[in-house]
């Protein structure tokens, strides 16, 4: 059984392989080819500490991710998520790998947003606004740069020093949230906000928003006006149980992302679109499976056997 560290994963996992893998995984999910319950979020301390249990089964692989979510870690300069993934092959139940899930969580979230953005944002989109200056902001910037001809990146954080540091590191400009969002083609909301930080009146017509924060049923990043646009989710069931943006706004869900990828639903062109992502176990399992494939390819290329 493989035991892979974050460093092992970072050496091999790239967005050019991961984005299409996420399209395939979400297509399978939305067409009924995946067995997956909504994650079990165990509250350790109200509003501060959680443990998530996320199992999923696909035709080839199955497994589970255990993820800790400590939003208060951000204030101490620590990661807010830590995770481990255990992978089995489905036909016989044989354990295949155990691996660090922290980088996988980071990259698969951004890759899913990028896959949806490819479908919904104008292909000539050049202005990106990042609300949040943490790990997910950086991951989304890398993923979106791989699919869009970006020439302007704007960033905002509730901690101005973090926004300035992010801007200097990534070639962006630090702004207020309204300044960042106005006239932006693509917007990413990746914060631990509990009240809306993005107002719909700031969005230009035809803009696309990837909202990946506020992962609790009473937390929000987007106001009602923003949510009153064409809404795509990764999972209807999960969004209606976990997303405060969806639950508290009463927004109507147009489609799951996998339905778009499968051609079951088609989003009208030129509409302002919102993708609300809560994150799915099948995304983690599919990414872990891809990592194993990449590891096997590297081992074969070097003449090694995986059991050496």
Protein backbone atom coordinates (compact mmCIF):
# COMPACT_ATOMS: atom_id res chain seq x y z
CA UNK A 1 0.00 0.00 0.00
CA UNK A 2 1.36 3.39 -1.00
CA UNK A 3 2.00 5.96 1.71
CA UNK A 4 2.29 9.37 0.05
CA UNK A 5 3.27 12.64 1.66
CA UNK A 6 2.28 16.14 0.62
CA UNK A 7 5.69 16.45 -1.04
CA UNK A 8 5.09 13.30 -3.10
CA UNK A 9 1.78 14.72 -4.30
CA UNK A 10 3.17 18.18 -5.04
CA UNK A 11 5.85 16.66 -7.31
CA UNK A 12 3.30 15.05 -9.61
CA UNK A 13 -0.15 16.65 -9.42
CA UNK A 14 -0.80 19.41 -11.97
CA UNK A 15 -3.89 21.33 -13.00
CA UNK A 16 -3.69 20.25 -16.62
CA UNK A 17 -4.40 16.68 -15.46
CA UNK A 18 -6.57 17.52 -12.47
CA UNK A 19 -9.14 19.82 -14.13
CA UNK A 20 -10.37 17.20 -16.63
CA UNK A 21 -10.31 14.58 -13.86
CA UNK A 22 -12.68 16.74 -11.83
CA UNK A 23 -15.00 17.14 -14.82
CA UNK A 24 -15.11 13.36 -15.14
CA UNK A 25 -15.71 12.84 -11.39
CA UNK A 26 -18.55 15.35 -11.21
CA UNK A 27 -20.13 13.93 -14.35
CA UNK A 28 -20.13 10.50 -12.69
CA UNK A 29 -21.60 12.00 -9.53
CA UNK A 30 -24.46 13.81 -11.28
CA UNK A 31 -25.32 10.83 -13.48
CA UNK A 32 -25.69 8.44 -10.56
CA UNK A 33 -22.44 6.52 -10.98
CA UNK A 34 -21.17 7.44 -7.49
CA UNK A 35 -22.33 6.34 -4.05
CA UNK A 36 -21.78 9.21 -1.64
CA UNK A 37 -23.57 10.44 1.48
CA UNK A 38 -23.39 14.08 2.50
CA UNK A 39 -20.33 14.55 4.70
CA UNK A 40 -20.70 14.19 8.45
CA UNK A 41 -19.41 17.37 10.12
CA UNK A 42 -18.69 16.72 13.79
CA UNK A 43 -18.67 19.98 15.73
CA UNK A 44 -15.93 20.00 18.33
CA UNK A 45 -16.39 23.63 19.37
CA UNK A 46 -19.21 25.76 17.98
CA UNK A 47 -18.04 27.97 15.13
CA UNK A 48 -14.40 27.12 15.74
CA UNK A 49 -13.44 23.46 15.35
CA UNK A 50 -14.88 20.66 13.20
CA UNK A 51 -14.00 17.18 11.97
CA UNK A 52 -15.40 16.14 8.59
CA UNK A 53 -15.89 12.50 7.53
CA UNK A 54 -16.23 12.14 3.75
CA UNK A 55 -16.65 8.69 2.11
CA UNK A 56 -17.39 7.94 -1.56
CA UNK A 57 -17.51 4.92 -3.87
CA UNK A 58 -16.95 4.93 -7.65
CA UNK A 59 -16.62 2.03 -10.07
CA UNK A 60 -12.83 1.85 -9.80
CA UNK A 61 -11.91 3.33 -6.44
CA UNK A 62 -13.51 4.07 -3.10
CA UNK A 63 -12.33 5.58 0.13
CA UNK A 64 -12.73 8.36 2.62
CA UNK A 65 -11.21 11.63 3.65
CA UNK A 66 -10.93 12.80 7.24
CA UNK A 67 -10.54 16.57 7.35
CA UNK A 68 -10.17 18.93 10.27
CA UNK A 69 -11.54 22.45 9.80
CA UNK A 70 -10.20 25.03 12.26
CA UNK A 71 -11.05 28.49 10.83
CA UNK A 72 -9.41 30.20 13.81
CA UNK A 73 -6.03 28.89 12.67
CA UNK A 74 -5.88 31.67 10.08
CA UNK A 75 -5.32 34.23 12.81
CA UNK A 76 -2.25 32.29 13.95
CA UNK A 77 -0.89 31.93 10.43
CA UNK A 78 -1.68 28.19 10.32
CA UNK A 79 -3.58 26.19 7.72
CA UNK A 80 -7.31 26.02 8.43
CA UNK A 81 -7.65 22.50 6.95
CA UNK A 82 -5.67 19.31 7.51
CA UNK A 83 -6.68 16.06 5.87
CA UNK A 84 -5.82 12.41 5.26
CA UNK A 85 -7.25 10.20 2.49
CA UNK A 86 -7.52 6.40 2.54
CA UNK A 87 -8.04 4.78 -0.87
CA UNK A 88 -9.29 1.27 -1.74
CA UNK A 89 -9.93 -0.40 -5.08
CA UNK A 90 -13.65 -1.04 -5.42
CA UNK A 91 -13.84 -4.48 -7.13
CA UNK A 92 -12.17 -6.40 -4.27
CA UNK A 93 -11.90 -3.84 -1.47
CA UNK A 94 -8.10 -3.98 -1.41
CA UNK A 95 -6.37 -1.01 0.28
CA UNK A 96 -4.36 0.94 -2.28
CA UNK A 97 -2.96 4.05 -0.60
CA UNK A 98 -3.00 6.38 2.34
CA UNK A 99 -1.97 9.92 1.60
CA UNK A 100 -1.89 13.45 2.90
CA UNK A 101 -5.13 15.16 1.87
CA UNK A 102 -4.32 18.78 2.60
CA UNK A 103 -2.81 19.68 -0.80
CA UNK A 104 -5.39 17.50 -2.54
CA UNK A 105 -8.19 19.46 -0.83
CA UNK A 106 -6.56 22.72 -1.87
CA UNK A 107 -5.97 21.77 -5.49
CA UNK A 108 -9.17 19.84 -6.23
CA UNK A 109 -11.28 22.75 -4.95
CA UNK A 110 -9.54 25.15 -7.33
CA UNK A 111 -9.62 22.62 -10.17
CA UNK A 112 -13.40 22.18 -9.84
CA UNK A 113 -13.85 25.96 -9.93
CA UNK A 114 -11.64 26.14 -13.01
CA UNK A 115 -13.62 23.40 -14.75
CA UNK A 116 -16.90 25.23 -14.08
CA UNK A 117 -15.36 28.57 -15.08
CA UNK A 118 -14.39 27.07 -18.45
CA UNK A 119 -18.08 26.34 -19.06
CA UNK A 120 -19.62 29.55 -17.72
CA UNK A 121 -17.20 32.48 -17.99
CA UNK A 122 -16.55 34.30 -21.26
CA UNK A 123 -13.42 32.74 -22.82
CA UNK A 124 -11.83 36.18 -23.16
CA UNK A 125 -12.09 36.85 -19.41
CA UNK A 126 -9.05 38.84 -18.31
CA UNK A 127 -9.90 40.45 -14.96
CA UNK A 128 -9.92 38.26 -11.85
CA UNK A 129 -11.00 39.37 -8.38
CA UNK A 130 -9.98 37.34 -5.34
CA UNK A 131 -11.88 37.93 -2.10
CA UNK A 132 -9.57 36.31 0.40
CA UNK A 133 -5.79 36.07 0.35
CA UNK A 134 -5.17 32.61 1.76
CA UNK A 135 -4.40 29.15 0.44
CA UNK A 136 -7.53 28.91 -1.71
CA UNK A 137 -6.95 32.31 -3.28
CA UNK A 138 -3.47 31.24 -4.37
CA UNK A 139 -4.69 27.85 -5.63
CA UNK A 140 -7.52 29.43 -7.61
CA UNK A 141 -5.18 31.97 -9.13
CA UNK A 142 -2.89 29.19 -10.38
CA UNK A 143 -5.76 27.06 -11.65
CA UNK A 144 -7.55 29.93 -13.40
CA UNK A 145 -4.34 31.20 -14.96
CA UNK A 146 -4.03 27.79 -16.61
CA UNK A 147 -7.34 28.24 -18.48
CA UNK A 148 -7.84 32.01 -18.92
CA UNK A 149 -5.75 34.81 -20.49
CA UNK A 150 -5.66 36.85 -17.27
CA UNK A 151 -3.89 40.17 -17.39
CA UNK A 152 -5.27 41.78 -14.21
CA UNK A 153 -5.60 40.23 -10.75
CA UNK A 154 -7.20 42.06 -7.85
CA UNK A 155 -7.22 40.88 -4.25
CA UNK A 156 -8.91 41.85 -1.00
CA UNK A 157 -8.54 40.53 2.52
CA UNK A 158 -10.00 41.62 5.83
CA UNK A 159 -6.35 41.85 6.90
CA UNK A 160 -4.85 44.51 4.62
CA UNK A 161 -1.31 43.31 5.28
CA UNK A 162 -2.20 39.86 3.94
CA UNK A 163 -3.69 41.37 0.81
CA UNK A 164 -0.59 43.47 0.22
CA UNK A 165 1.69 40.48 0.79
CA UNK A 166 -0.38 38.34 -1.58
CA UNK A 167 -0.40 41.08 -4.21
CA UNK A 168 3.37 41.48 -4.07
CA UNK A 169 3.96 37.73 -4.33
CA UNK A 170 1.49 37.03 -7.13
CA UNK A 171 1.54 40.16 -9.27
CA UNK A 172 -1.86 41.39 -8.12
CA UNK A 173 -3.30 44.66 -6.82
CA UNK A 174 -4.78 44.99 -3.35
CA UNK A 175 -8.16 46.78 -3.30
CA UNK A 176 -11.39 47.15 -1.37
CA UNK A 177 -13.89 44.36 -2.08
CA UNK A 178 -16.10 46.64 -4.16
CA UNK A 179 -13.16 47.94 -6.20
CA UNK A 180 -11.98 44.38 -6.79
CA UNK A 181 -15.36 43.07 -7.95
CA UNK A 182 -16.50 46.01 -10.11
CA UNK A 183 -15.94 45.14 -13.81
CA UNK A 184 -14.20 41.85 -12.93
CA UNK A 185 -14.92 38.99 -15.33
CA UNK A 186 -14.35 36.22 -12.80
CA UNK A 187 -14.61 36.49 -9.03
CA UNK A 188 -13.49 34.02 -6.38
CA UNK A 189 -14.88 34.26 -2.84
CA UNK A 190 -12.66 32.17 -0.58
CA UNK A 191 -13.08 33.45 2.96
CA UNK A 192 -14.27 32.33 6.38
CA UNK A 193 -16.96 35.02 6.38
CA UNK A 194 -20.13 34.43 8.35
CA UNK A 195 -21.86 37.51 6.87
CA UNK A 196 -21.89 38.50 3.16
CA UNK A 197 -18.74 40.20 1.89
CA UNK A 198 -19.79 40.25 -1.78
CA UNK A 199 -22.77 42.35 -2.86
CA UNK A 200 -24.60 41.44 -6.03
CA UNK A 201 -24.94 45.06 -7.12
CA UNK A 202 -21.17 45.12 -7.69
CA UNK A 203 -21.29 42.34 -10.30
CA UNK A 204 -21.25 43.25 -13.96
CA UNK A 205 -23.67 41.40 -16.20
CA UNK A 206 -22.13 38.19 -17.46
CA UNK A 207 -19.59 37.89 -14.65
CA UNK A 208 -18.90 34.49 -13.12
CA UNK A 209 -18.43 33.88 -9.37
CA UNK A 210 -16.81 30.87 -7.74
CA UNK A 211 -17.87 30.86 -4.07
CA UNK A 212 -15.93 28.26 -2.08
CA UNK A 213 -16.00 29.64 1.47
CA UNK A 214 -18.70 29.89 4.18
CA UNK A 215 -19.00 26.08 4.50
CA UNK A 216 -21.64 26.04 7.23
CA UNK A 217 -25.46 26.33 6.96
CA UNK A 218 -25.51 29.62 8.89
CA UNK A 219 -22.47 31.26 7.26
CA UNK A 220 -22.51 33.44 4.13
CA UNK A 221 -20.18 35.14 1.66
CA UNK A 222 -22.73 36.38 -0.92
CA UNK A 223 -25.79 38.55 -0.36
CA UNK A 224 -29.29 37.79 -1.68
CA UNK A 225 -28.79 39.95 -4.76
CA UNK A 226 -25.71 37.98 -5.77
CA UNK A 227 -27.49 34.70 -5.15
CA UNK A 228 -30.39 35.82 -7.34
CA UNK A 229 -28.41 34.87 -10.45
CA UNK A 230 -27.97 31.60 -12.33
CA UNK A 231 -26.88 29.22 -9.57
CA UNK A 232 -24.76 26.12 -10.12
CA UNK A 233 -23.73 23.81 -7.27
CA UNK A 234 -21.54 20.73 -7.01
CA UNK A 235 -24.30 18.80 -5.21
CA UNK A 236 -27.92 19.84 -4.69
CA UNK A 237 -28.26 17.67 -1.61
CA UNK A 238 -25.06 18.93 -0.01
CA UNK A 239 -25.70 22.59 -0.87
CA UNK A 240 -29.17 22.47 0.68
CA UNK A 241 -27.73 21.05 3.90
CA UNK A 242 -24.36 22.80 4.16
CA UNK A 243 -24.35 26.13 2.31
CA UNK A 244 -25.66 29.16 4.17
CA UNK A 245 -25.48 31.12 0.92
CA UNK A 246 -28.01 28.74 -0.66
CA UNK A 247 -30.14 27.98 2.39
CA UNK A 248 -30.54 31.49 3.79
CA UNK A 249 -31.09 33.19 0.42
CA UNK A 250 -33.67 30.65 -0.75
CA UNK A 251 -31.92 30.71 -4.12
CA UNK A 252 -33.14 28.35 -6.85
CA UNK A 253 -30.51 25.89 -8.04
CA UNK A 254 -30.31 25.74 -11.84
CA UNK A 255 -28.00 22.74 -12.16
CA UNK A 256 -25.20 20.70 -10.70
CA UNK A 257 -21.80 21.16 -12.30
CA UNK A 258 -21.80 17.52 -13.37
CA UNK A 259 -25.07 18.08 -15.26
CA UNK A 260 -23.36 20.80 -17.28
CA UNK A 261 -20.38 18.55 -18.03
CA UNK A 262 -22.69 15.68 -19.01
CA UNK A 263 -24.78 17.89 -21.30
CA UNK A 264 -27.91 17.31 -19.22
CA UNK A 265 -28.33 21.06 -18.63
CA UNK A 266 -27.03 24.00 -20.65
CA UNK A 267 -26.52 27.40 -19.05
CA UNK A 268 -27.84 30.36 -21.07
CA UNK A 269 -25.04 32.47 -22.48
CA UNK A 270 -24.28 35.97 -21.17
CA UNK A 271 -25.94 35.28 -17.80
CA UNK A 272 -24.28 36.26 -14.54
CA UNK A 273 -23.44 32.92 -12.93
CA UNK A 274 -22.70 31.75 -9.40
CA UNK A 275 -20.94 28.47 -8.64
CA UNK A 276 -21.41 27.51 -5.01
CA UNK A 277 -18.93 24.80 -4.09
CA UNK A 278 -19.12 22.90 -0.81
CA UNK A 279 -16.62 20.21 -1.84
CA UNK A 280 -17.41 16.53 -2.41
CA UNK A 281 -15.74 13.32 -1.29
CA UNK A 282 -15.71 12.00 -4.87
CA UNK A 283 -13.48 14.92 -5.82
CA UNK A 284 -10.96 13.76 -3.19
CA UNK A 285 -11.19 10.09 -4.19
CA UNK A 286 -10.81 10.90 -7.90
CA UNK A 287 -7.82 13.13 -7.16
CA UNK A 288 -6.22 10.45 -4.98
CA UNK A 289 -6.76 7.93 -7.79
CA UNK A 290 -5.09 10.33 -10.25
CA UNK A 291 -2.14 10.75 -7.86
CA UNK A 292 -1.73 6.95 -7.73
CA UNK A 293 -1.79 6.80 -11.54
CA UNK A 294 0.84 9.52 -11.79
CA UNK A 295 2.96 7.79 -9.17
CA UNK A 296 2.68 4.48 -11.04
CA UNK A 297 3.65 6.17 -14.32
CA UNK A 298 6.71 7.70 -12.66
CA UNK A 299 7.69 4.35 -11.13
CA UNK A 300 7.39 2.56 -14.49
CA UNK A 301 9.45 5.28 -16.12
CA UNK A 302 12.23 4.73 -13.61
CA UNK A 303 12.08 0.94 -13.91
CA UNK A 304 10.81 0.47 -10.35
CA UNK A 305 7.91 -1.64 -9.21
CA UNK A 306 5.42 -0.05 -6.83
CA UNK A 307 6.08 -2.81 -4.31
CA UNK A 308 9.88 -2.41 -4.44
